[in-house]
Amino acid sequence: MGSRHCLGAELLLHFEEFEALKLSDYERLTHEQAAAKMDVSRPTFTRIYESARRKVATAFVENRPLMVEGGQVQFRDDWYRCPECRNTFAPVDKQKEALRHCPLCEHPGPQRMSPEL
């Protein structure tokens, strides 16, 4: 296998786009159910979801890094960012007490993000 090279600049997936993908594709909610959870209209949810899918497809096809951050969002859970690899994640409840390393790169000391962006 060859080395992994990125072909282009990173793509930014906003938190609300991440949430839309998570609710629809991971949790398998309907767009109506997911829109209610995100407190947006169903057409707004669909626009967010389609934008997210285009970005993810572009990242896969063009071998570009995909960063999750920003956007209009309020956190219900604690989110952390690794200062080394910039991975953004919300640990599972059992992990919160023992959170000392990034789950992606194992770097010590992920930083808690602000509850509102």
N, C-alpha and C. Protein backbone atom coordinates (compact mmCIF):
# COMPACT_ATOMS: atom_id res chain seq x y z
N MET A 1 0.82 -1.18 0.00
CA MET A 1 0.00 0.00 0.00
C MET A 1 0.86 1.24 0.00
N GLY A 2 0.43 2.25 -0.75
CA GLY A 2 1.15 3.50 -0.81
C GLY A 2 0.84 4.38 0.38
N SER A 3 1.53 5.48 0.44
CA SER A 3 1.28 6.42 1.53
C SER A 3 -0.02 7.16 1.28
N ARG A 4 -0.59 7.70 2.33
CA ARG A 4 -1.85 8.42 2.25
C ARG A 4 -1.56 9.90 2.04
N HIS A 5 -1.92 10.41 0.89
CA HIS A 5 -1.74 11.83 0.60
C HIS A 5 -3.10 12.48 0.39
N CYS A 6 -3.26 13.64 0.95
CA CYS A 6 -4.49 14.41 0.74
C CYS A 6 -4.34 15.18 -0.57
N LEU A 7 -5.40 15.20 -1.34
CA LEU A 7 -5.36 15.86 -2.63
C LEU A 7 -5.74 17.33 -2.58
N GLY A 8 -6.37 17.76 -1.50
CA GLY A 8 -6.81 19.14 -1.45
C GLY A 8 -6.95 19.65 -0.03
N ALA A 9 -7.44 20.85 0.04
CA ALA A 9 -7.64 21.50 1.34
C ALA A 9 -8.75 20.81 2.11
N GLU A 10 -8.71 20.99 3.41
CA GLU A 10 -9.72 20.38 4.26
C GLU A 10 -11.10 20.97 3.99
N LEU A 11 -12.13 20.17 4.22
CA LEU A 11 -13.51 20.61 4.12
C LEU A 11 -14.04 20.80 5.52
N LEU A 12 -14.85 21.82 5.71
CA LEU A 12 -15.41 22.11 7.01
C LEU A 12 -16.85 21.61 7.08
N LEU A 13 -17.10 20.66 7.98
CA LEU A 13 -18.44 20.16 8.24
C LEU A 13 -18.91 20.82 9.53
N HIS A 14 -19.94 21.65 9.43
CA HIS A 14 -20.44 22.35 10.61
C HIS A 14 -21.09 21.36 11.57
N PHE A 15 -21.12 21.73 12.86
CA PHE A 15 -21.69 20.84 13.86
C PHE A 15 -23.12 20.45 13.53
N GLU A 16 -23.92 21.39 13.00
CA GLU A 16 -25.31 21.05 12.68
C GLU A 16 -25.37 20.05 11.52
N GLU A 17 -24.41 20.09 10.61
CA GLU A 17 -24.35 19.10 9.53
C GLU A 17 -23.95 17.74 10.08
N PHE A 18 -22.99 17.74 10.99
CA PHE A 18 -22.60 16.49 11.66
C PHE A 18 -23.81 15.87 12.37
N GLU A 19 -24.54 16.71 13.10
CA GLU A 19 -25.71 16.24 13.85
C GLU A 19 -26.77 15.69 12.91
N ALA A 20 -26.99 16.34 11.79
CA ALA A 20 -27.97 15.85 10.82
C ALA A 20 -27.59 14.47 10.29
N LEU A 21 -26.31 14.29 9.95
CA LEU A 21 -25.84 12.97 9.50
C LEU A 21 -25.99 11.92 10.60
N LYS A 22 -25.62 12.31 11.80
CA LYS A 22 -25.71 11.37 12.92
C LYS A 22 -27.15 10.92 13.14
N LEU A 23 -28.06 11.88 13.19
CA LEU A 23 -29.46 11.54 13.47
C LEU A 23 -30.08 10.72 12.35
N SER A 24 -29.82 11.09 11.10
CA SER A 24 -30.46 10.41 9.98
C SER A 24 -29.77 9.11 9.61
N ASP A 25 -28.46 9.13 9.43
CA ASP A 25 -27.76 7.95 8.95
C ASP A 25 -27.30 7.00 10.05
N TYR A 26 -26.88 7.53 11.18
CA TYR A 26 -26.38 6.69 12.27
C TYR A 26 -27.51 6.20 13.17
N GLU A 27 -28.37 7.15 13.60
CA GLU A 27 -29.48 6.76 14.48
C GLU A 27 -30.71 6.32 13.69
N ARG A 28 -30.68 6.50 12.39
CA ARG A 28 -31.74 6.06 11.48
C ARG A 28 -33.11 6.69 11.76
N LEU A 29 -33.10 7.96 12.14
CA LEU A 29 -34.35 8.68 12.34
C LEU A 29 -34.84 9.20 10.99
N THR A 30 -36.15 9.40 10.86
CA THR A 30 -36.68 10.03 9.66
C THR A 30 -36.28 11.50 9.70
N HIS A 31 -36.39 12.17 8.56
CA HIS A 31 -36.06 13.60 8.54
C HIS A 31 -37.00 14.36 9.47
N GLU A 32 -38.23 13.96 9.54
CA GLU A 32 -39.18 14.63 10.43
C GLU A 32 -38.77 14.47 11.90
N GLN A 33 -38.39 13.25 12.30
CA GLN A 33 -37.96 13.00 13.67
C GLN A 33 -36.67 13.77 13.99
N ALA A 34 -35.73 13.73 13.06
CA ALA A 34 -34.44 14.41 13.26
C ALA A 34 -34.62 15.92 13.33
N ALA A 35 -35.49 16.47 12.49
CA ALA A 35 -35.76 17.91 12.51
C ALA A 35 -36.32 18.32 13.87
N ALA A 36 -37.21 17.50 14.42
CA ALA A 36 -37.77 17.80 15.73
C ALA A 36 -36.68 17.79 16.80
N LYS A 37 -35.77 16.82 16.74
CA LYS A 37 -34.68 16.76 17.72
C LYS A 37 -33.75 17.96 17.61
N MET A 38 -33.56 18.45 16.39
CA MET A 38 -32.67 19.61 16.18
C MET A 38 -33.42 20.93 16.33
N ASP A 39 -34.71 20.85 16.52
CA ASP A 39 -35.56 22.03 16.68
C ASP A 39 -35.50 22.95 15.45
N VAL A 40 -35.59 22.33 14.26
CA VAL A 40 -35.66 23.06 13.00
C VAL A 40 -36.81 22.47 12.18
N SER A 41 -37.22 23.17 11.13
CA SER A 41 -38.27 22.63 10.25
C SER A 41 -37.71 21.46 9.45
N ARG A 42 -38.60 20.63 8.93
CA ARG A 42 -38.15 19.50 8.12
C ARG A 42 -37.43 19.97 6.86
N PRO A 43 -37.92 21.00 6.13
CA PRO A 43 -37.16 21.47 4.97
C PRO A 43 -35.76 22.01 5.34
N THR A 44 -35.66 22.68 6.47
CA THR A 44 -34.35 23.17 6.92
C THR A 44 -33.44 22.00 7.24
N PHE A 45 -33.98 20.99 7.93
CA PHE A 45 -33.18 19.80 8.23
C PHE A 45 -32.66 19.18 6.93
N THR A 46 -33.53 19.04 5.94
CA THR A 46 -33.14 18.42 4.67
C THR A 46 -32.03 19.21 4.00
N ARG A 47 -32.09 20.54 4.02
CA ARG A 47 -31.02 21.36 3.44
C ARG A 47 -29.69 21.13 4.17
N ILE A 48 -29.74 21.09 5.50
CA ILE A 48 -28.52 20.85 6.29
C ILE A 48 -27.95 19.47 5.98
N TYR A 49 -28.82 18.47 5.94
CA TYR A 49 -28.43 17.09 5.68
C TYR A 49 -27.80 16.94 4.29
N GLU A 50 -28.42 17.53 3.27
CA GLU A 50 -27.89 17.41 1.91
C GLU A 50 -26.53 18.11 1.79
N SER A 51 -26.37 19.24 2.45
CA SER A 51 -25.08 19.92 2.45
C SER A 51 -24.01 19.03 3.08
N ALA A 52 -24.35 18.40 4.18
CA ALA A 52 -23.40 17.51 4.87
C ALA A 52 -23.02 16.32 3.98
N ARG A 53 -24.00 15.72 3.33
CA ARG A 53 -23.72 14.56 2.47
C ARG A 53 -22.82 14.94 1.30
N ARG A 54 -23.03 16.12 0.72
CA ARG A 54 -22.17 16.57 -0.38
C ARG A 54 -20.73 16.73 0.10
N LYS A 55 -20.56 17.32 1.28
CA LYS A 55 -19.22 17.53 1.82
C LYS A 55 -18.52 16.21 2.12
N VAL A 56 -19.24 15.27 2.71
CA VAL A 56 -18.65 13.97 3.03
C VAL A 56 -18.29 13.23 1.74
N ALA A 57 -19.16 13.26 0.75
CA ALA A 57 -18.87 12.61 -0.53
C ALA A 57 -17.63 13.23 -1.19
N THR A 58 -17.55 14.55 -1.16
CA THR A 58 -16.38 15.23 -1.74
C THR A 58 -15.11 14.83 -1.01
N ALA A 59 -15.17 14.77 0.32
CA ALA A 59 -14.00 14.38 1.10
C ALA A 59 -13.55 12.97 0.75
N PHE A 60 -14.49 12.04 0.60
CA PHE A 60 -14.13 10.66 0.25
C PHE A 60 -13.56 10.56 -1.15
N VAL A 61 -14.25 11.14 -2.11
CA VAL A 61 -13.85 11.02 -3.51
C VAL A 61 -12.52 11.72 -3.78
N GLU A 62 -12.34 12.90 -3.19
CA GLU A 62 -11.13 13.68 -3.44
C GLU A 62 -10.04 13.46 -2.40
N ASN A 63 -10.27 12.53 -1.47
CA ASN A 63 -9.30 12.21 -0.42
C ASN A 63 -8.86 13.47 0.33
N ARG A 64 -9.87 14.24 0.77
CA ARG A 64 -9.60 15.49 1.49
C ARG A 64 -9.98 15.33 2.95
N PRO A 65 -9.24 15.97 3.85
CA PRO A 65 -9.60 15.89 5.27
C PRO A 65 -10.92 16.61 5.53
N LEU A 66 -11.66 16.09 6.49
CA LEU A 66 -12.96 16.65 6.86
C LEU A 66 -12.90 17.06 8.32
N MET A 67 -13.07 18.35 8.58
CA MET A 67 -13.03 18.88 9.94
C MET A 67 -14.44 19.21 10.38
N VAL A 68 -14.76 18.91 11.63
CA VAL A 68 -16.08 19.22 12.18
C VAL A 68 -15.91 20.35 13.19
N GLU A 69 -16.56 21.49 12.90
CA GLU A 69 -16.51 22.63 13.82
C GLU A 69 -17.44 23.72 13.35
N GLY A 70 -17.67 24.69 14.20
CA GLY A 70 -18.40 25.89 13.84
C GLY A 70 -19.88 25.71 13.60
N GLY A 71 -20.50 26.75 13.10
CA GLY A 71 -21.91 26.72 12.79
C GLY A 71 -22.76 27.27 13.92
N GLN A 72 -24.06 27.25 13.74
CA GLN A 72 -25.01 27.76 14.73
C GLN A 72 -25.50 26.57 15.57
N VAL A 73 -24.95 26.44 16.76
CA VAL A 73 -25.26 25.25 17.55
C VAL A 73 -25.11 25.55 19.04
N GLN A 74 -25.88 24.83 19.84
CA GLN A 74 -25.70 24.81 21.29
C GLN A 74 -25.46 23.36 21.67
N PHE A 75 -24.48 23.13 22.53
CA PHE A 75 -24.15 21.77 22.95
C PHE A 75 -25.04 21.33 24.09
N ARG A 76 -25.54 20.11 24.01
CA ARG A 76 -26.26 19.51 25.13
C ARG A 76 -25.30 18.65 25.95
N ASP A 77 -24.23 18.22 25.32
CA ASP A 77 -23.23 17.38 25.98
C ASP A 77 -21.90 18.12 26.01
N ASP A 78 -20.97 17.60 26.76
CA ASP A 78 -19.61 18.14 26.77
C ASP A 78 -18.91 17.70 25.49
N TRP A 79 -18.29 18.64 24.80
CA TRP A 79 -17.50 18.34 23.61
C TRP A 79 -16.06 18.74 23.90
N TYR A 80 -15.15 18.02 23.29
CA TYR A 80 -13.72 18.24 23.50
C TYR A 80 -13.02 18.36 22.16
N ARG A 81 -11.88 19.07 22.17
CA ARG A 81 -11.04 19.18 20.98
C ARG A 81 -9.61 18.84 21.38
N CYS A 82 -8.98 18.04 20.57
CA CYS A 82 -7.58 17.68 20.79
C CYS A 82 -6.70 18.80 20.25
N PRO A 83 -5.77 19.32 21.06
CA PRO A 83 -4.89 20.38 20.57
C PRO A 83 -3.88 19.88 19.53
N GLU A 84 -3.66 18.59 19.46
CA GLU A 84 -2.69 18.02 18.53
C GLU A 84 -3.28 17.77 17.14
N CYS A 85 -4.35 16.96 17.07
CA CYS A 85 -4.91 16.57 15.77
C CYS A 85 -6.19 17.33 15.41
N ARG A 86 -6.69 18.16 16.33
CA ARG A 86 -7.91 18.95 16.16
C ARG A 86 -9.17 18.09 16.08
N ASN A 87 -9.08 16.83 16.48
CA ASN A 87 -10.25 15.97 16.53
C ASN A 87 -11.26 16.57 17.51
N THR A 88 -12.52 16.60 17.13
CA THR A 88 -13.59 17.10 17.97
C THR A 88 -14.50 15.94 18.29
N PHE A 89 -14.83 15.77 19.56
CA PHE A 89 -15.62 14.59 19.94
C PHE A 89 -16.39 14.83 21.22
N ALA A 90 -17.46 14.07 21.37
CA ALA A 90 -18.25 14.06 22.60
C ALA A 90 -18.10 12.64 23.17
N PRO A 91 -17.42 12.49 24.28
CA PRO A 91 -17.20 11.15 24.83
C PRO A 91 -18.49 10.53 25.36
N VAL A 92 -18.53 9.21 25.35
CA VAL A 92 -19.63 8.46 25.93
C VAL A 92 -19.62 8.71 27.44
N ASP A 93 -20.80 8.70 28.07
CA ASP A 93 -20.92 9.02 29.50
C ASP A 93 -19.86 8.34 30.37
N LYS A 94 -19.61 7.07 30.13
CA LYS A 94 -18.64 6.32 30.95
C LYS A 94 -17.22 6.84 30.76
N GLN A 95 -16.95 7.46 29.62
CA GLN A 95 -15.60 7.96 29.34
C GLN A 95 -15.34 9.32 29.96
N LYS A 96 -16.38 10.07 30.28
CA LYS A 96 -16.21 11.45 30.73
C LYS A 96 -15.29 11.58 31.93
N GLU A 97 -15.47 10.72 32.91
CA GLU A 97 -14.65 10.80 34.12
C GLU A 97 -13.19 10.45 33.84
N ALA A 98 -12.98 9.53 32.92
CA ALA A 98 -11.61 9.06 32.67
C ALA A 98 -10.99 9.72 31.44
N LEU A 99 -11.61 10.78 30.92
CA LEU A 99 -11.12 11.40 29.70
C LEU A 99 -9.77 12.07 29.94
N ARG A 100 -8.73 11.48 29.39
CA ARG A 100 -7.39 12.03 29.55
C ARG A 100 -6.62 12.07 28.23
N HIS A 101 -7.12 11.36 27.21
CA HIS A 101 -6.43 11.28 25.93
C HIS A 101 -7.43 11.38 24.79
N CYS A 102 -6.97 11.92 23.68
CA CYS A 102 -7.78 11.97 22.47
C CYS A 102 -8.02 10.54 21.98
N PRO A 103 -9.25 10.17 21.64
CA PRO A 103 -9.50 8.82 21.17
C PRO A 103 -8.91 8.55 19.78
N LEU A 104 -8.55 9.59 19.04
CA LEU A 104 -8.00 9.41 17.70
C LEU A 104 -6.49 9.29 17.70
N CYS A 105 -5.79 10.24 18.36
CA CYS A 105 -4.33 10.24 18.31
C CYS A 105 -3.67 9.93 19.65
N GLU A 106 -4.48 9.76 20.71
CA GLU A 106 -3.98 9.45 22.06
C GLU A 106 -3.22 10.61 22.71
N HIS A 107 -3.28 11.79 22.14
CA HIS A 107 -2.60 12.95 22.74
C HIS A 107 -3.26 13.26 24.09
N PRO A 108 -2.46 13.55 25.12
CA PRO A 108 -3.04 13.86 26.43
C PRO A 108 -3.67 15.26 26.45
N GLY A 109 -4.68 15.40 27.25
CA GLY A 109 -5.24 16.71 27.53
C GLY A 109 -6.17 17.33 26.52
N PRO A 110 -7.18 16.59 26.01
CA PRO A 110 -8.16 17.26 25.15
C PRO A 110 -8.81 18.40 25.93
N GLN A 111 -9.15 19.47 25.24
CA GLN A 111 -9.70 20.65 25.89
C GLN A 111 -11.22 20.70 25.71
N ARG A 112 -11.92 20.98 26.82
CA ARG A 112 -13.38 21.09 26.76
C ARG A 112 -13.73 22.34 25.97
N MET A 113 -14.71 22.19 25.09
CA MET A 113 -15.14 23.31 24.26
C MET A 113 -16.24 24.07 24.97
N SER A 114 -16.45 25.29 24.55
CA SER A 114 -17.49 26.14 25.10
C SER A 114 -18.86 25.52 24.87
N PRO A 115 -19.81 25.67 25.82
CA PRO A 115 -21.13 25.10 25.63
C PRO A 115 -21.93 25.77 24.53
N GLU A 116 -21.55 26.95 24.07
CA GLU A 116 -22.25 27.61 22.97
C GLU A 116 -21.24 28.16 22.00
N LEU A 117 -21.55 28.04 20.71
CA LEU A 117 -20.71 28.64 19.66
C LEU A 117 -21.55 29.62 18.90
